[in-house]
Amino acid sequence: MRIVAVADTHLYHHEIDVPDGDVFVHAGDMCRGGSLAELAEALAWVRALPHRHKVVVAGNHDGAFVDDAAAVKDLLEGLVYLEDSGVTLGGVSFWGSPWQPEFHGWWFNLPRGAPLAQKWALVPVGVDVLVTHGPPAGFGDRSGMGDARAGCEDLARRVRDARPRLHLFGHIHEDGGAWPRDETTFVNCTTWEAERAPTVVDVVQGRVELVQVPPARRDR
């Protein structure tokens, strides 16, 4: 299975050259202000992509999933939207969740500690591909604020326990990249609007093979 993953397109999606693959994953932040009109535009672009399956997780800029939930259901036709839920595609299991530690008062924020840990406890042990909007602590979570890290410690602990083959996320634009560690390959697949290309990963007989990992753009 070839997975093509993006995050943080923020309505710059038409400037991104999306490679072919079996599953397209958007790890959140399709919108800028979060309106229903913005989300409709972004989801129409996702729906028009040629990939057989399209998996979508919301991000902290995608407020219509909260504020206009009933209307959003109609926009999701033909797509797989994961919010603390999972799906199996072509024999590969996926789990998606939109939450992250409180960040500038946007959507899908929760306090660090028990509220986030309760969400991560839902991630099933042995899932093949975990998709979250925010990063775990220690991987792809270095912001532009010096050595500051924005990742979630409780998410990192749950990943160690659940042992997904692949963990896809975005949210922190400056720290895109991939980090194979033990049983899990961590990938910040941010496109930083349209500054980075999509990430391409193959899942072959339970193994993760990195095909295309654009460099980080920490110079901006």
Protein backbone atom coordinates (compact mmCIF):
# COMPACT_ATOMS: atom_id res chain seq x y z
CA MET A 1 0.00 0.00 0.00
CA ARG A 2 1.33 3.43 -0.96
CA ILE A 3 0.24 6.24 1.37
CA VAL A 4 0.52 9.88 0.27
CA ALA A 5 0.27 12.19 3.29
CA VAL A 6 -0.10 15.94 3.80
CA ALA A 7 -1.03 18.31 6.62
CA ASP A 8 -1.38 22.06 7.13
CA THR A 9 -2.39 22.88 3.54
CA HIS A 10 -4.39 25.89 4.83
CA LEU A 11 -6.20 26.40 1.47
CA TYR A 12 -2.94 26.32 -0.52
CA HIS A 13 -3.87 22.85 -1.77
CA HIS A 14 -4.02 23.78 -5.45
CA GLU A 15 -0.31 24.68 -5.34
CA ILE A 16 0.66 21.16 -4.22
CA ASP A 17 1.66 18.44 -6.67
CA VAL A 18 0.15 15.28 -5.19
CA PRO A 19 1.82 11.99 -6.23
CA ASP A 20 -0.16 8.87 -7.08
CA GLY A 21 -0.86 6.31 -4.40
CA ASP A 22 -3.44 3.99 -2.89
CA VAL A 23 -4.42 6.05 0.15
CA PHE A 24 -4.33 9.83 0.50
CA VAL A 25 -4.12 11.06 4.10
CA HIS A 26 -4.74 14.62 5.26
CA ALA A 27 -3.62 15.01 8.87
CA GLY A 28 -5.52 18.22 9.50
CA ASP A 29 -5.51 21.99 9.02
CA MET A 30 -7.18 22.09 5.64
CA CYS A 31 -8.59 25.54 6.46
CA ARG A 32 -7.33 28.91 7.64
CA GLY A 33 -10.20 30.51 9.56
CA GLY A 34 -12.20 27.30 9.90
CA SER A 35 -15.44 28.26 8.12
CA LEU A 36 -17.77 25.79 6.41
CA ALA A 37 -17.06 27.45 3.04
CA GLU A 38 -13.31 26.94 3.49
CA LEU A 39 -13.77 23.32 4.48
CA ALA A 40 -16.08 22.69 1.52
CA GLU A 41 -13.38 23.99 -0.84
CA ALA A 42 -10.67 21.85 0.74
CA LEU A 43 -12.74 18.68 0.83
CA ALA A 44 -13.80 19.12 -2.79
CA TRP A 45 -10.10 19.11 -3.70
CA VAL A 46 -9.49 15.97 -1.64
CA ARG A 47 -12.49 14.23 -3.19
CA ALA A 48 -11.24 14.99 -6.71
CA LEU A 49 -7.87 13.30 -6.13
CA PRO A 50 -7.45 9.96 -7.94
CA HIS A 51 -6.46 7.90 -4.89
CA ARG A 52 -8.79 5.00 -4.17
CA HIS A 53 -9.13 5.90 -0.48
CA LYS A 54 -8.96 9.34 1.17
CA VAL A 55 -8.55 9.58 4.93
CA VAL A 56 -9.12 12.91 6.68
CA VAL A 57 -8.42 14.01 10.25
CA ALA A 58 -9.36 17.50 11.48
CA GLY A 59 -6.86 20.04 12.77
CA ASN A 60 -7.01 23.05 15.03
CA HIS A 61 -7.92 25.34 12.08
CA ASP A 62 -10.79 23.13 10.91
CA GLY A 63 -13.51 24.53 13.13
CA ALA A 64 -16.44 23.64 10.87
CA PHE A 65 -16.15 20.03 12.09
CA VAL A 66 -17.27 21.40 15.48
CA ASP A 67 -19.38 24.46 14.63
CA ASP A 68 -21.24 23.03 11.60
CA ALA A 69 -21.01 19.29 12.25
CA ALA A 70 -24.37 18.42 10.62
CA ALA A 71 -23.55 20.29 7.41
CA VAL A 72 -20.06 18.80 7.26
CA LYS A 73 -21.48 15.28 7.06
CA ASP A 74 -22.72 16.01 3.53
CA LEU A 75 -19.26 17.25 2.52
CA LEU A 76 -17.62 13.99 3.60
CA GLU A 77 -19.31 11.76 1.05
CA GLY A 78 -16.71 9.44 -0.49
CA LEU A 79 -14.13 10.27 2.19
CA VAL A 80 -13.11 8.53 5.43
CA TYR A 81 -13.22 10.98 8.33
CA LEU A 82 -11.61 9.73 11.53
CA GLU A 83 -12.28 11.36 14.88
CA ASP A 84 -11.25 8.99 17.66
CA SER A 85 -12.19 6.19 15.30
CA GLY A 86 -10.65 3.69 12.94
CA VAL A 87 -11.00 1.94 9.60
CA THR A 88 -9.29 -0.90 7.77
CA LEU A 89 -8.36 -0.31 4.13
CA GLY A 90 -6.77 -3.01 2.02
CA GLY A 91 -5.90 -4.99 5.13
CA VAL A 92 -4.13 -2.01 6.79
CA SER A 93 -5.73 -0.57 9.93
CA PHE A 94 -5.92 3.20 10.49
CA TRP A 95 -6.86 5.23 13.58
CA GLY A 96 -7.34 9.00 13.54
CA SER A 97 -7.67 11.70 16.19
CA PRO A 98 -7.64 15.53 15.92
CA TRP A 99 -6.58 16.61 19.41
CA GLN A 100 -3.51 18.49 20.58
CA PRO A 101 -2.37 20.40 23.70
CA GLU A 102 -3.97 23.82 23.99
CA PHE A 103 -2.62 26.01 21.19
CA HIS A 104 -3.68 29.63 20.59
CA GLY A 105 -7.35 29.06 21.41
CA TRP A 106 -8.30 27.23 18.21
CA TRP A 107 -10.38 24.05 17.90
CA PHE A 108 -9.65 20.51 19.13
CA ASN A 109 -7.50 21.80 21.98
CA LEU A 110 -7.36 20.04 25.34
CA PRO A 111 -5.32 20.68 28.48
CA ARG A 112 -2.20 18.58 28.93
CA GLY A 113 -2.58 15.68 31.31
CA ALA A 114 -5.73 13.63 31.94
CA PRO A 115 -8.01 15.16 29.23
CA LEU A 116 -5.53 14.32 26.46
CA ALA A 117 -4.50 11.01 28.00
CA GLN A 118 -8.15 9.90 27.93
CA LYS A 119 -8.30 10.55 24.18
CA TRP A 120 -5.04 8.72 23.49
CA ALA A 121 -6.17 5.74 25.56
CA LEU A 122 -8.70 5.05 22.79
CA VAL A 123 -5.90 4.30 20.30
CA PRO A 124 -5.94 0.51 19.86
CA VAL A 125 -2.83 -1.55 20.47
CA GLY A 126 -1.38 -2.88 17.24
CA VAL A 127 -3.01 -0.40 14.85
CA ASP A 128 -0.93 -0.15 11.66
CA VAL A 129 -1.24 3.58 10.92
CA LEU A 130 -2.00 6.25 13.52
CA VAL A 131 -2.98 9.68 12.19
CA THR A 132 -3.10 12.62 14.60
CA HIS A 133 -3.00 16.31 13.91
CA GLY A 134 -0.51 17.13 16.63
CA PRO A 135 2.89 15.49 17.18
CA PRO A 136 4.04 13.36 20.08
CA ALA A 137 6.71 14.85 22.31
CA GLY A 138 10.16 14.43 20.84
CA PHE A 139 9.36 13.94 17.14
CA GLY A 140 8.58 16.68 14.62
CA ASP A 141 7.51 19.04 17.37
CA ARG A 142 10.18 21.75 17.33
CA SER A 143 8.49 25.08 16.69
CA GLY A 144 10.15 28.27 15.53
CA MET A 145 10.49 29.35 19.15
CA GLY A 146 14.10 28.37 19.76
CA ASP A 147 14.35 24.91 21.31
CA ALA A 148 10.70 24.87 22.35
CA ARG A 149 8.79 21.65 21.71
CA ALA A 150 5.02 21.53 21.28
CA GLY A 151 4.48 17.76 21.26
CA CYS A 152 2.29 15.83 23.65
CA GLU A 153 3.98 13.62 26.25
CA ASP A 154 0.85 11.53 26.80
CA LEU A 155 0.60 10.85 23.07
CA ALA A 156 4.23 9.73 23.02
CA ARG A 157 3.53 7.32 25.88
CA ARG A 158 0.49 5.87 24.13
CA VAL A 159 2.43 5.37 20.90
CA ARG A 160 5.03 3.38 22.85
CA ASP A 161 2.24 1.17 24.19
CA ALA A 162 0.11 0.89 21.03
CA ARG A 163 3.12 0.33 18.74
CA PRO A 164 1.72 1.55 15.39
CA ARG A 165 3.90 0.82 12.38
CA LEU A 166 3.47 4.40 11.17
CA HIS A 167 2.48 7.60 12.99
CA LEU A 168 1.50 10.47 10.68
CA PHE A 169 0.93 14.00 12.01
CA GLY A 170 1.48 17.69 11.20
CA HIS A 171 0.63 20.90 13.09
CA ILE A 172 4.22 22.10 13.61
CA HIS A 173 5.21 23.51 10.22
CA GLU A 174 8.89 24.00 10.93
CA ASP A 175 9.76 20.41 11.77
CA GLY A 176 8.64 18.20 8.90
CA GLY A 177 10.51 14.92 8.45
CA ALA A 178 10.64 11.24 9.39
CA TRP A 179 12.13 9.40 12.37
CA PRO A 180 12.16 5.58 12.46
CA ARG A 181 12.31 4.46 16.10
CA ASP A 182 11.95 0.85 17.23
CA GLU A 183 8.62 -0.46 15.90
CA THR A 184 7.24 2.92 14.83
CA THR A 185 8.16 5.35 12.06
CA PHE A 186 7.17 8.89 13.07
CA VAL A 187 6.39 11.29 10.20
CA ASN A 188 5.56 14.98 10.39
CA CYS A 189 3.95 15.24 6.94
CA THR A 190 3.28 18.98 7.06
CA THR A 191 3.31 20.78 3.72
CA TRP A 192 3.65 24.16 5.50
CA GLU A 193 0.88 25.45 3.25
CA ALA A 194 2.68 24.67 -0.03
CA GLU A 195 6.33 24.99 1.06
CA ARG A 196 6.95 21.22 1.37
CA ALA A 197 5.86 18.43 -0.95
CA PRO A 198 3.68 15.55 0.27
CA THR A 199 5.28 12.62 2.06
CA VAL A 200 5.08 9.19 0.41
CA VAL A 201 5.30 5.98 2.44
CA ASP A 202 4.86 2.35 1.44
CA VAL A 203 3.47 -0.21 3.88
CA VAL A 204 4.61 -3.63 2.66
CA GLN A 205 3.86 -6.77 4.67
CA GLY A 206 3.89 -4.81 7.90
CA ARG A 207 7.09 -2.91 7.06
CA VAL A 208 7.24 0.85 6.53
CA GLU A 209 9.38 2.08 3.64
CA LEU A 210 10.00 5.82 3.25
CA VAL A 211 9.70 6.76 -0.43
CA GLN A 212 9.61 10.57 -0.37
CA VAL A 213 10.36 12.70 2.69
CA PRO A 214 10.86 16.38 1.81
CA PRO A 215 13.40 18.30 3.92
CA ALA A 216 12.25 20.48 6.80
CA ARG A 217 11.88 24.20 6.13
CA ARG A 218 13.23 25.60 9.39
CA ASP A 219 14.87 28.48 7.55
CA ARG A 220 11.61 30.38 7.23
